Amino acid sequence: MKITILIPVFNEKNYILRVLEKVNSKKKNYDLEIIVVDDCSTDGTVELLKNHAHLYDKIFYKNKNEGIGSAIIKGIEFAQGEYTLVQDADLEYSPDDYAQLFKPINNDADAVYGSRFKGSEPKRIIYFFNRVANFLITFLVNCLTNINFSDVETGYKLVKTRLLKEINLQEKTFAFEVELTMKLSKLNIKFYEVGINYDGRKYEEGKKIQLKDGFIAIYKIFYYFIKR
């Protein structure tokens, strides 16, 4: 079974090659299609990608920076795997967790979320208010969907590609995460969660999501709950 690993990239010259090398190391165990979408990087990431074309199967360069959601939507359009997994380009999420994420496929899972708050895997402890925002967002989603998620803002979401193509994703920013979950929750599908490790970055290390994105996510939860 082919699985698409979709890697959205924006200004990640310090990490992107290490991420690609780690993903490629998993090809010995899995049939992986690696798609990279660069969201108009300006820090030298593009040059690195062009010089290491052997590390991916497909690549797309956007001529305008629009956000992580826009890069993911672009990649989904060309994904050919039965499942698609978004892999952040900064190593906050480790490809070493692929075995955990792929395990529920044997139970015909439609979507598998890698939870940073379950399991005994190592988690780097960083920002308290980010954790509070994540808890609130997850709590609201659970109340409105009646699904018991523990981490809806996780960057590791493995979803059947057919579903990703059908639900008409629109959000170009980090609000993509909420849109995806709210739209999937309206379908009669099988969700699974698995514990993953998490090596979160500080802002000075290149972390991009801001506290304001949490407020936007809360608004989008209600927006997509009401929207039909």
C-alpha atoms as a PDB file:
ATOM      1  CA  MET A   1       0.000   0.000   0.000  1.00  0.00           C
ATOM      2  CA  LYS A   2       1.336   3.398  -0.992  1.00  0.00           C
ATOM      3  CA  ILE A   3       1.275   6.198   1.590  1.00  0.00           C
ATOM      4  CA  THR A   4       1.878   9.817   0.589  1.00  0.00           C
ATOM      5  CA  ILE A   5       4.122  11.835   2.899  1.00  0.00           C
ATOM      6  CA  LEU A   6       3.268  15.468   2.249  1.00  0.00           C
ATOM      7  CA  ILE A   7       5.848  17.991   3.449  1.00  0.00           C
ATOM      8  CA  PRO A   8       4.870  21.700   3.409  1.00  0.00           C
ATOM      9  CA  VAL A   9       7.956  23.909   3.672  1.00  0.00           C
ATOM     10  CA  PHE A  10       8.563  27.568   4.444  1.00  0.00           C
ATOM     11  CA  ASN A  11      12.030  28.856   5.376  1.00  0.00           C
ATOM     12  CA  GLU A  12      13.349  25.605   6.843  1.00  0.00           C
ATOM     13  CA  LYS A  13      16.894  25.483   5.471  1.00  0.00           C
ATOM     14  CA  ASN A  14      18.235  24.286   8.844  1.00  0.00           C
ATOM     15  CA  TYR A  15      15.922  21.277   9.021  1.00  0.00           C
ATOM     16  CA  ILE A  16      14.517  20.279   5.633  1.00  0.00           C
ATOM     17  CA  LEU A  17      17.338  17.982   4.506  1.00  0.00           C
ATOM     18  CA  ARG A  18      17.371  16.134   7.836  1.00  0.00           C
ATOM     19  CA  VAL A  19      13.601  15.666   7.609  1.00  0.00           C
ATOM     20  CA  LEU A  20      13.814  14.347   4.056  1.00  0.00           C
ATOM     21  CA  GLU A  21      16.647  11.990   4.954  1.00  0.00           C
ATOM     22  CA  LYS A  22      14.684  10.598   7.904  1.00  0.00           C
ATOM     23  CA  VAL A  23      11.565  10.117   5.791  1.00  0.00           C
ATOM     24  CA  ASN A  24      13.596   8.393   3.075  1.00  0.00           C
ATOM     25  CA  SER A  25      15.077   6.033   5.658  1.00  0.00           C
ATOM     26  CA  LYS A  26      11.544   4.672   6.203  1.00  0.00           C
ATOM     27  CA  LYS A  27      11.194   3.642   2.560  1.00  0.00           C
ATOM     28  CA  LYS A  28      12.855   0.357   3.375  1.00  0.00           C
ATOM     29  CA  ASN A  29       9.802  -0.528   5.481  1.00  0.00           C
ATOM     30  CA  TYR A  30       6.962   1.255   3.653  1.00  0.00           C
ATOM     31  CA  ASP A  31       5.892   2.213   0.137  1.00  0.00           C
ATOM     32  CA  LEU A  32       6.128   6.003   0.501  1.00  0.00           C
ATOM     33  CA  GLU A  33       5.450   8.752  -2.005  1.00  0.00           C
ATOM     34  CA  ILE A  34       7.235  11.941  -0.866  1.00  0.00           C
ATOM     35  CA  ILE A  35       5.708  15.241  -2.002  1.00  0.00           C
ATOM     36  CA  VAL A  36       7.273  18.574  -1.050  1.00  0.00           C
ATOM     37  CA  VAL A  37       5.461  21.899  -1.445  1.00  0.00           C
ATOM     38  CA  ASP A  38       7.553  25.008  -0.862  1.00  0.00           C
ATOM     39  CA  ASP A  39       5.462  28.008   0.204  1.00  0.00           C
ATOM     40  CA  CYS A  40       7.737  30.622  -1.393  1.00  0.00           C
ATOM     41  CA  SER A  41      10.731  30.275   0.939  1.00  0.00           C
ATOM     42  CA  THR A  42      13.305  33.080   0.897  1.00  0.00           C
ATOM     43  CA  ASP A  43      16.053  31.720   3.171  1.00  0.00           C
ATOM     44  CA  GLY A  44      17.837  29.335   0.808  1.00  0.00           C
ATOM     45  CA  THR A  45      15.456  26.403   1.287  1.00  0.00           C
ATOM     46  CA  VAL A  46      14.567  26.400  -2.432  1.00  0.00           C
ATOM     47  CA  GLU A  47      18.199  26.059  -3.489  1.00  0.00           C
ATOM     48  CA  LEU A  48      18.703  23.143  -1.082  1.00  0.00           C
ATOM     49  CA  LEU A  49      15.638  21.384  -2.429  1.00  0.00           C
ATOM     50  CA  LYS A  50      16.705  21.845  -6.037  1.00  0.00           C
ATOM     51  CA  ASN A  51      20.135  20.391  -5.248  1.00  0.00           C
ATOM     52  CA  HIS A  52      18.717  17.314  -3.516  1.00  0.00           C
ATOM     53  CA  ALA A  53      16.017  16.156  -5.907  1.00  0.00           C
ATOM     54  CA  HIS A  54      16.788  12.507  -5.090  1.00  0.00           C
ATOM     55  CA  LEU A  55      15.150  12.966  -1.677  1.00  0.00           C
ATOM     56  CA  TYR A  56      11.591  13.420  -2.951  1.00  0.00           C
ATOM     57  CA  ASP A  57       9.257  12.134  -5.655  1.00  0.00           C
ATOM     58  CA  LYS A  58       7.373  15.332  -6.494  1.00  0.00           C
ATOM     59  CA  ILE A  59       7.935  18.986  -5.671  1.00  0.00           C
ATOM     60  CA  PHE A  60       5.949  22.171  -6.186  1.00  0.00           C
ATOM     61  CA  TYR A  61       7.187  25.721  -5.718  1.00  0.00           C
ATOM     62  CA  LYS A  62       4.551  28.307  -4.920  1.00  0.00           C
ATOM     63  CA  ASN A  63       5.225  31.836  -6.168  1.00  0.00           C
ATOM     64  CA  LYS A  64       3.417  33.450  -3.246  1.00  0.00           C
ATOM     65  CA  ASN A  65       3.579  32.748   0.491  1.00  0.00           C
ATOM     66  CA  GLU A  66       0.021  31.969   1.598  1.00  0.00           C
ATOM     67  CA  GLY A  67       0.404  29.672   4.600  1.00  0.00           C
ATOM     68  CA  ILE A  68       0.819  26.049   5.556  1.00  0.00           C
ATOM     69  CA  GLY A  69      -2.770  25.191   4.661  1.00  0.00           C
ATOM     70  CA  SER A  70      -2.330  26.397   1.100  1.00  0.00           C
ATOM     71  CA  ALA A  71       0.786  24.254   0.689  1.00  0.00           C
ATOM     72  CA  ILE A  72      -0.999  21.171   2.048  1.00  0.00           C
ATOM     73  CA  ILE A  73      -4.011  21.710  -0.218  1.00  0.00           C
ATOM     74  CA  LYS A  74      -1.671  21.966  -3.204  1.00  0.00           C
ATOM     75  CA  GLY A  75       0.030  18.708  -2.284  1.00  0.00           C
ATOM     76  CA  ILE A  76      -3.232  16.836  -1.711  1.00  0.00           C
ATOM     77  CA  GLU A  77      -4.211  17.604  -5.291  1.00  0.00           C
ATOM     78  CA  PHE A  78      -1.332  15.435  -6.552  1.00  0.00           C
ATOM     79  CA  ALA A  79      -1.219  12.778  -3.801  1.00  0.00           C
ATOM     80  CA  GLN A  80      -1.567   9.223  -5.119  1.00  0.00           C
ATOM     81  CA  GLY A  81      -1.168   7.182  -1.936  1.00  0.00           C
ATOM     82  CA  GLU A  82      -4.140   5.443  -0.349  1.00  0.00           C
ATOM     83  CA  TYR A  83      -3.394   7.500   2.770  1.00  0.00           C
ATOM     84  CA  THR A  84      -1.730  10.889   3.155  1.00  0.00           C
ATOM     85  CA  LEU A  85       0.301  12.030   6.162  1.00  0.00           C
ATOM     86  CA  VAL A  86       1.421  15.634   6.611  1.00  0.00           C
ATOM     87  CA  GLN A  87       5.018  15.754   7.824  1.00  0.00           C
ATOM     88  CA  ASP A  88       6.204  19.073   9.256  1.00  0.00           C
ATOM     89  CA  ALA A  89       9.559  20.196   7.875  1.00  0.00           C
ATOM     90  CA  ASP A  90      11.098  21.058  11.251  1.00  0.00           C
ATOM     91  CA  LEU A  91      11.479  17.682  13.045  1.00  0.00           C
ATOM     92  CA  GLU A  92       9.029  18.583  15.828  1.00  0.00           C
ATOM     93  CA  TYR A  93       7.372  15.353  14.690  1.00  0.00           C
ATOM     94  CA  SER A  94       9.567  12.330  14.096  1.00  0.00           C
ATOM     95  CA  PRO A  95       9.219   9.828  11.228  1.00  0.00           C
ATOM     96  CA  ASP A  96      10.220   7.246  13.835  1.00  0.00           C
ATOM     97  CA  ASP A  97       6.533   7.327  14.816  1.00  0.00           C
ATOM     98  CA  TYR A  98       5.340   6.100  11.418  1.00  0.00           C
ATOM     99  CA  ALA A  99       5.011   2.545  12.744  1.00  0.00           C
ATOM    100  CA  GLN A 100       2.583   3.773  15.409  1.00  0.00           C
ATOM    101  CA  LEU A 101       0.625   5.957  13.008  1.00  0.00           C
ATOM    102  CA  PHE A 102       0.305   3.283  10.342  1.00  0.00           C
ATOM    103  CA  LYS A 103      -0.759   0.491  12.725  1.00  0.00           C
ATOM    104  CA  PRO A 104      -4.508   1.393  12.750  1.00  0.00           C
ATOM    105  CA  ILE A 105      -4.551   0.990   8.952  1.00  0.00           C
ATOM    106  CA  ASN A 106      -4.888  -2.731   9.708  1.00  0.00           C
ATOM    107  CA  ASN A 107      -8.253  -1.885  11.308  1.00  0.00           C
ATOM    108  CA  ASP A 108      -9.310   0.075   8.212  1.00  0.00           C
ATOM    109  CA  ALA A 109      -8.926   3.426   9.974  1.00  0.00           C
ATOM    110  CA  ASP A 110     -10.100   6.426   7.985  1.00  0.00           C
ATOM    111  CA  ALA A 111      -8.097   8.934  10.037  1.00  0.00           C
ATOM    112  CA  VAL A 112      -5.301   8.480  12.579  1.00  0.00           C
ATOM    113  CA  TYR A 113      -4.251  11.380  14.817  1.00  0.00           C
ATOM    114  CA  GLY A 114      -0.867  11.368  16.518  1.00  0.00           C
ATOM    115  CA  SER A 115      -1.518  12.703  20.011  1.00  0.00           C
ATOM    116  CA  ARG A 116       1.180  14.623  21.851  1.00  0.00           C
ATOM    117  CA  PHE A 117      -0.704  14.056  25.102  1.00  0.00           C
ATOM    118  CA  LYS A 118      -1.028  10.280  25.052  1.00  0.00           C
ATOM    119  CA  GLY A 119       1.491   7.486  25.460  1.00  0.00           C
ATOM    120  CA  SER A 120       4.858   7.264  27.175  1.00  0.00           C
ATOM    121  CA  GLU A 121       6.937   8.690  24.332  1.00  0.00           C
ATOM    122  CA  PRO A 122       9.219  11.672  25.128  1.00  0.00           C
ATOM    123  CA  LYS A 123       7.656  15.152  24.902  1.00  0.00           C
ATOM    124  CA  ARG A 124       9.612  18.372  25.091  1.00  0.00           C
ATOM    125  CA  ILE A 125       7.997  20.720  27.621  1.00  0.00           C
ATOM    126  CA  ILE A 126       7.709  24.317  26.411  1.00  0.00           C
ATOM    127  CA  TYR A 127       4.945  26.958  26.358  1.00  0.00           C
ATOM    128  CA  PHE A 128       2.176  26.782  28.980  1.00  0.00           C
ATOM    129  CA  PHE A 129      -0.239  29.126  27.205  1.00  0.00           C
ATOM    130  CA  ASN A 130       0.091  27.157  23.960  1.00  0.00           C
ATOM    131  CA  ARG A 131      -0.931  24.067  25.922  1.00  0.00           C
ATOM    132  CA  VAL A 132      -3.912  25.907  27.420  1.00  0.00           C
ATOM    133  CA  ALA A 133      -4.988  27.077  23.964  1.00  0.00           C
ATOM    134  CA  ASN A 134      -4.662  23.540  22.626  1.00  0.00           C
ATOM    135  CA  PHE A 135      -6.727  22.146  25.498  1.00  0.00           C
ATOM    136  CA  LEU A 136      -9.476  24.724  24.910  1.00  0.00           C
ATOM    137  CA  ILE A 137      -9.560  24.110  21.162  1.00  0.00           C
ATOM    138  CA  THR A 138      -9.708  20.340  21.662  1.00  0.00           C
ATOM    139  CA  PHE A 139     -12.402  20.687  24.351  1.00  0.00           C
ATOM    140  CA  LEU A 140     -14.594  22.813  22.080  1.00  0.00           C
ATOM    141  CA  VAL A 141     -14.200  20.420  19.161  1.00  0.00           C
ATOM    142  CA  ASN A 142     -15.097  17.491  21.414  1.00  0.00           C
ATOM    143  CA  CYS A 143     -18.210  19.247  22.714  1.00  0.00           C
ATOM    144  CA  LEU A 144     -19.451  20.104  19.238  1.00  0.00           C
ATOM    145  CA  THR A 145     -18.578  16.824  17.515  1.00  0.00           C
ATOM    146  CA  ASN A 146     -19.103  14.372  20.396  1.00  0.00           C
ATOM    147  CA  ILE A 147     -15.759  12.770  19.512  1.00  0.00           C
ATOM    148  CA  ASN A 148     -13.214  12.289  22.281  1.00  0.00           C
ATOM    149  CA  PHE A 149     -10.044  13.746  20.755  1.00  0.00           C
ATOM    150  CA  SER A 150      -7.061  14.484  22.969  1.00  0.00           C
ATOM    151  CA  ASP A 151      -5.102  16.631  20.487  1.00  0.00           C
ATOM    152  CA  VAL A 152      -6.896  18.120  17.468  1.00  0.00           C
ATOM    153  CA  GLU A 153      -4.054  20.543  16.736  1.00  0.00           C
ATOM    154  CA  THR A 154      -1.499  17.805  16.228  1.00  0.00           C
ATOM    155  CA  GLY A 155       0.597  18.098  13.087  1.00  0.00           C
ATOM    156  CA  TYR A 156       0.460  14.336  12.536  1.00  0.00           C
ATOM    157  CA  LYS A 157      -2.823  13.416  10.867  1.00  0.00           C
ATOM    158  CA  LEU A 158      -2.942  10.353   8.635  1.00  0.00           C
ATOM    159  CA  VAL A 159      -6.101  10.426   6.501  1.00  0.00           C
ATOM    160  CA  LYS A 160      -7.391   8.445   3.556  1.00  0.00           C
ATOM    161  CA  THR A 161      -6.455  10.483   0.508  1.00  0.00           C
ATOM    162  CA  ARG A 162      -9.873   9.967  -1.026  1.00  0.00           C
ATOM    163  CA  LEU A 163     -11.459  11.792   1.908  1.00  0.00           C
ATOM    164  CA  LEU A 164      -8.974  14.658   1.734  1.00  0.00           C
ATOM    165  CA  LYS A 165      -9.822  15.178  -1.908  1.00  0.00           C
ATOM    166  CA  GLU A 166     -13.580  15.012  -1.273  1.00  0.00           C
ATOM    167  CA  ILE A 167     -14.006  17.488   1.590  1.00  0.00           C
ATOM    168  CA  ASN A 168     -12.901  20.573  -0.348  1.00  0.00           C
ATOM    169  CA  LEU A 169     -10.395  22.104   2.085  1.00  0.00           C
ATOM    170  CA  GLN A 170     -10.077  25.894   1.867  1.00  0.00           C
ATOM    171  CA  GLU A 171      -8.099  27.280   4.814  1.00  0.00           C
ATOM    172  CA  LYS A 172      -4.661  28.565   3.849  1.00  0.00           C
ATOM    173  CA  THR A 173      -3.262  29.160   7.339  1.00  0.00           C
ATOM    174  CA  PHE A 174      -2.937  27.066  10.511  1.00  0.00           C
ATOM    175  CA  ALA A 175      -6.766  27.145  10.625  1.00  0.00           C
ATOM    176  CA  PHE A 176      -6.468  24.254   8.176  1.00  0.00           C
ATOM    177  CA  GLU A 177      -6.125  21.899  11.176  1.00  0.00           C
ATOM    178  CA  VAL A 178      -9.526  22.848  12.586  1.00  0.00           C
ATOM    179  CA  GLU A 179     -11.220  22.844   9.181  1.00  0.00           C
ATOM    180  CA  LEU A 180      -9.948  19.335   8.486  1.00  0.00           C
ATOM    181  CA  THR A 181     -11.138  17.924  11.817  1.00  0.00           C
ATOM    182  CA  MET A 182     -14.536  19.626  11.741  1.00  0.00           C
ATOM    183  CA  LYS A 183     -15.232  18.455   8.178  1.00  0.00           C
ATOM    184  CA  LEU A 184     -14.078  14.891   8.840  1.00  0.00           C
ATOM    185  CA  SER A 185     -16.170  14.766  12.017  1.00  0.00           C
ATOM    186  CA  LYS A 186     -19.331  15.246   9.940  1.00  0.00           C
ATOM    187  CA  LEU A 187     -18.602  12.049   8.026  1.00  0.00           C
ATOM    188  CA  ASN A 188     -19.340   8.525   9.186  1.00  0.00           C
ATOM    189  CA  ILE A 189     -15.692   7.509   9.487  1.00  0.00           C
ATOM    190  CA  LYS A 190     -13.395   5.667  11.886  1.00  0.00           C
ATOM    191  CA  PHE A 191     -10.987   7.852  13.885  1.00  0.00           C
ATOM    192  CA  TYR A 192      -8.010   6.509  15.811  1.00  0.00           C
ATOM    193  CA  GLU A 193      -5.436   8.170  18.059  1.00  0.00           C
ATOM    194  CA  VAL A 194      -1.912   6.979  18.864  1.00  0.00           C
ATOM    195  CA  GLY A 195       0.677   8.445  21.208  1.00  0.00           C
ATOM    196  CA  ILE A 196       3.675  10.109  19.561  1.00  0.00           C
ATOM    197  CA  ASN A 197       6.814  11.842  20.750  1.00  0.00           C
ATOM    198  CA  TYR A 198       7.108  15.586  20.318  1.00  0.00           C
ATOM    199  CA  ASP A 199      10.215  17.776  20.148  1.00  0.00           C
ATOM    200  CA  GLY A 200       8.588  21.222  20.085  1.00  0.00           C
ATOM    201  CA  ARG A 201      10.563  24.277  19.072  1.00  0.00           C
ATOM    202  CA  LYS A 202      10.767  27.682  20.714  1.00  0.00           C
ATOM    203  CA  TYR A 203      10.027  30.791  18.655  1.00  0.00           C
ATOM    204  CA  GLU A 204      13.709  31.681  18.468  1.00  0.00           C
ATOM    205  CA  GLU A 205      14.289  28.204  16.998  1.00  0.00           C
ATOM    206  CA  GLY A 206      11.822  28.889  14.192  1.00  0.00           C
ATOM    207  CA  LYS A 207       8.411  27.952  15.599  1.00  0.00           C
ATOM    208  CA  LYS A 208       5.801  29.737  13.475  1.00  0.00           C
ATOM    209  CA  ILE A 209       2.414  29.240  15.106  1.00  0.00           C
ATOM    210  CA  GLN A 210       1.398  32.168  17.325  1.00  0.00           C
ATOM    211  CA  LEU A 211      -1.092  32.561  20.170  1.00  0.00           C
ATOM    212  CA  LYS A 212      -3.318  34.582  17.816  1.00  0.00           C
ATOM    213  CA  ASP A 213      -3.709  31.443  15.718  1.00  0.00           C
ATOM    214  CA  GLY A 214      -5.456  29.916  18.717  1.00  0.00           C
ATOM    215  CA  PHE A 215      -8.145  32.612  18.682  1.00  0.00           C
ATOM    216  CA  ILE A 216      -8.595  32.151  14.937  1.00  0.00           C
ATOM    217  CA  ALA A 217      -8.956  28.402  15.479  1.00  0.00           C
ATOM    218  CA  ILE A 218     -11.705  28.924  18.074  1.00  0.00           C
ATOM    219  CA  TYR A 219     -13.644  31.115  15.639  1.00  0.00           C
ATOM    220  CA  LYS A 220     -13.208  28.536  12.863  1.00  0.00           C
ATOM    221  CA  ILE A 221     -14.483  25.723  15.099  1.00  0.00           C
ATOM    222  CA  PHE A 222     -17.862  27.432  15.366  1.00  0.00           C
ATOM    223  CA  TYR A 223     -17.747  28.528  11.729  1.00  0.00           C
ATOM    224  CA  TYR A 224     -17.314  24.977  10.423  1.00  0.00           C
ATOM    225  CA  PHE A 225     -19.737  23.554  12.981  1.00  0.00           C
ATOM    226  CA  ILE A 226     -22.480  25.810  11.632  1.00  0.00           C
ATOM    227  CA  LYS A 227     -21.498  25.662   7.961  1.00  0.00           C
ATOM    228  CA  ARG A 228     -23.131  22.910   5.924  1.00  0.00           C
END
